[in-house]
Amino acid sequence: MAAVTAGAPVGVDLEALRDFPEHEDIARCHFAPAEIEALSRLPALDRAEGFLAVWTLKEAWLKATGDGLSAPLSRFDVLSDPGFVRKVAPSERIAGWRSFGLRPAPDIVAALSVQMASPKLTCFGFKSGQQPGPVNPEFHVVA
C-alpha cells in the first residue's frame, strides 16, 4: 500500500488480520484510556481486529508526522473523534489532520493519515497481468 499527495505529509500502515493473545496487554500499556475503554466494550471475538484498527491508525499518523514509535502512543487518541487525532492532555483535536481506517482486502486492516483538511481519496489496484486502475475498496472512517 502506498499513498501520494501533492506536498502534504501522509502516512500509511497495514497489518494482516490475525488473533494474538497479547493484544490486550499491549493496548493497556500503550493506548490512550478512551481507546482501551472502547476496545474493552467490543465482543471478545472482535477485540483483535479492533486493536489492529487502532494500532494502524496510530502508526499511520506517527509515520506521517515523522515521529515513529519513539512518541508515546498513549498521548494521542484516534477513536474519540472519528477521523481525527486528539491529544490526550489537554484534550484537543490536532488541527489539519485526517485519518481513515481502511480495509483494502478482507484479511488486511490498514489506515491512512494525512495533513489535509478535506482529502479526496482514490484507490488504485491491480491484479497480475492487468493494468492498474481505480477500485472501490471499503474506505471508511473508523468510529
Protein backbone atom coordinates (compact mmCIF):
# COMPACT_ATOMS: atom_id res chain seq x y z
CA MET A 1 0.00 0.00 0.00
CA ALA A 2 1.27 3.45 -0.88
CA ALA A 3 -0.10 6.97 -0.58
CA VAL A 4 0.73 10.02 -2.70
CA THR A 5 -0.13 13.66 -2.02
CA ALA A 6 0.76 17.00 -3.55
CA GLY A 7 3.04 18.20 -0.77
CA ALA A 8 1.08 17.15 2.33
CA PRO A 9 2.61 14.76 4.88
CA VAL A 10 0.97 11.34 4.65
CA GLY A 11 1.45 8.04 6.44
CA VAL A 12 0.05 4.56 5.93
CA ASP A 13 0.15 1.35 7.89
CA LEU A 14 -1.31 -2.08 7.34
CA GLU A 15 -1.50 -5.30 9.28
CA ALA A 16 -2.66 -8.79 8.44
CA LEU A 17 -5.82 -9.60 10.36
CA ARG A 18 -4.88 -12.18 12.97
CA ASP A 19 -5.57 -13.11 16.54
CA PHE A 20 -2.82 -12.83 19.10
CA PRO A 21 -3.33 -13.19 22.83
CA GLU A 22 -1.06 -10.29 23.86
CA HIS A 23 -3.07 -7.56 22.09
CA GLU A 24 -4.94 -6.60 25.29
CA ASP A 25 -1.70 -6.27 27.27
CA ILE A 26 -0.16 -4.12 24.51
CA ALA A 27 -3.26 -1.90 24.46
CA ARG A 28 -3.21 -1.44 28.25
CA CYS A 29 0.46 -0.41 28.12
CA HIS A 30 0.39 1.83 25.05
CA PHE A 31 -3.10 3.09 24.17
CA ALA A 32 -4.95 6.15 25.45
CA PRO A 33 -7.55 5.48 28.18
CA ALA A 34 -10.52 6.12 25.84
CA GLU A 35 -9.12 3.64 23.32
CA ILE A 36 -8.64 0.96 25.99
CA GLU A 37 -12.23 1.51 27.16
CA ALA A 38 -13.60 1.29 23.60
CA LEU A 39 -11.74 -1.96 22.95
CA SER A 40 -12.98 -3.48 26.22
CA ARG A 41 -16.59 -2.86 25.10
CA LEU A 42 -16.14 -4.91 21.92
CA PRO A 43 -17.22 -8.54 21.89
CA ALA A 44 -14.24 -10.77 22.71
CA LEU A 45 -14.09 -12.15 19.16
CA ASP A 46 -13.78 -8.62 17.70
CA ARG A 47 -11.08 -7.26 20.01
CA ALA A 48 -8.02 -8.35 18.00
CA GLU A 49 -9.45 -6.67 14.89
CA GLY A 50 -10.33 -3.58 16.95
CA PHE A 51 -6.80 -3.49 18.35
CA LEU A 52 -5.32 -3.63 14.84
CA ALA A 53 -7.65 -0.85 13.67
CA VAL A 54 -6.39 1.43 16.46
CA TRP A 55 -2.77 0.34 16.01
CA THR A 56 -2.77 1.06 12.26
CA LEU A 57 -4.39 4.50 12.79
CA LYS A 58 -1.74 5.38 15.37
CA GLU A 59 1.16 4.12 13.26
CA ALA A 60 -0.10 5.87 10.11
CA TRP A 61 -0.23 9.19 11.99
CA LEU A 62 3.21 8.68 13.55
CA LYS A 63 4.68 7.86 10.15
CA ALA A 64 3.07 10.97 8.63
CA THR A 65 4.47 13.21 11.38
CA GLY A 66 7.88 11.55 11.22
CA ASP A 67 7.78 10.71 14.93
CA GLY A 68 7.66 6.94 14.51
CA LEU A 69 7.28 4.71 17.55
CA SER A 70 9.57 6.96 19.60
CA ALA A 71 6.47 9.01 20.51
CA PRO A 72 4.34 7.62 23.35
CA LEU A 73 1.21 6.06 21.83
CA SER A 74 -0.88 6.89 24.90
CA ARG A 75 -0.51 10.68 24.40
CA PHE A 76 -2.91 10.79 21.46
CA ASP A 77 -6.30 9.24 20.78
CA VAL A 78 -7.62 8.09 17.40
CA LEU A 79 -11.09 6.90 18.48
CA SER A 80 -12.79 9.68 20.49
CA ASP A 81 -13.21 11.98 17.48
CA PRO A 82 -13.67 9.70 14.43
CA GLY A 83 -11.50 10.70 11.51
CA PHE A 84 -9.31 12.99 13.61
CA VAL A 85 -6.40 12.70 16.05
CA ARG A 86 -6.71 14.21 19.53
CA LYS A 87 -4.12 15.00 22.17
CA VAL A 88 -4.98 13.32 25.47
CA ALA A 89 -3.81 16.08 27.84
CA PRO A 90 -5.00 18.68 27.22
CA SER A 91 -7.77 17.07 25.22
CA GLU A 92 -7.87 18.85 21.88
CA ARG A 93 -8.09 17.99 18.21
CA ILE A 94 -4.76 18.17 16.39
CA ALA A 95 -5.64 20.66 13.66
CA GLY A 96 -5.33 19.90 9.99
CA TRP A 97 -5.06 16.11 10.15
CA ARG A 98 -7.50 13.48 8.86
CA SER A 99 -7.23 9.75 9.48
CA PHE A 100 -9.05 6.89 7.80
CA GLY A 101 -9.37 3.23 8.66
CA LEU A 102 -9.26 1.10 5.51
CA ARG A 103 -9.96 -2.49 4.54
CA PRO A 104 -8.07 -3.00 1.25
CA ALA A 105 -8.71 -6.75 1.47
CA PRO A 106 -10.82 -8.95 3.77
CA ASP A 107 -7.77 -10.08 5.75
CA ILE A 108 -5.99 -6.69 5.90
CA VAL A 109 -6.56 -3.82 8.35
CA ALA A 110 -5.00 -0.55 7.20
CA ALA A 111 -5.01 3.18 7.89
CA LEU A 112 -4.04 6.41 6.22
CA SER A 113 -3.32 9.73 7.93
CA VAL A 114 -2.79 12.98 6.03
CA GLN A 115 -2.24 16.61 6.95
CA MET A 116 -5.09 17.95 4.86
CA ALA A 117 -8.49 19.27 5.96
CA SER A 118 -10.61 17.60 3.25
CA PRO A 119 -8.62 14.96 1.39
CA LYS A 120 -10.04 13.22 -1.67
CA LEU A 121 -9.17 9.54 -1.53
CA THR A 122 -8.86 7.45 -4.67
CA CYS A 123 -7.68 3.87 -4.56
CA PHE A 124 -5.90 2.17 -7.42
CA GLY A 125 -5.30 -1.53 -7.54
CA PHE A 126 -4.21 -4.17 -9.97
CA LYS A 127 -4.16 -7.88 -10.47
CA SER A 128 -1.29 -9.72 -12.05
CA GLY A 129 -1.33 -9.26 -15.82
CA GLN A 130 -3.71 -6.27 -15.71
CA GLN A 131 -3.17 -2.53 -15.93
CA PRO A 132 -3.64 -0.56 -12.70
CA GLY A 133 -7.00 1.17 -12.42
CA PRO A 134 -9.41 2.69 -9.90
CA VAL A 135 -11.06 0.28 -7.49
CA ASN A 136 -13.76 0.75 -4.91
CA PRO A 137 -12.45 -0.51 -1.56
CA GLU A 138 -14.25 -0.06 1.72
CA PHE A 139 -12.91 3.37 2.63
CA HIS A 140 -14.43 4.24 5.97
CA VAL A 141 -13.62 6.40 8.93
CA VAL A 142 -13.09 4.17 11.92
CA ALA A 143 -15.59 5.10 14.62
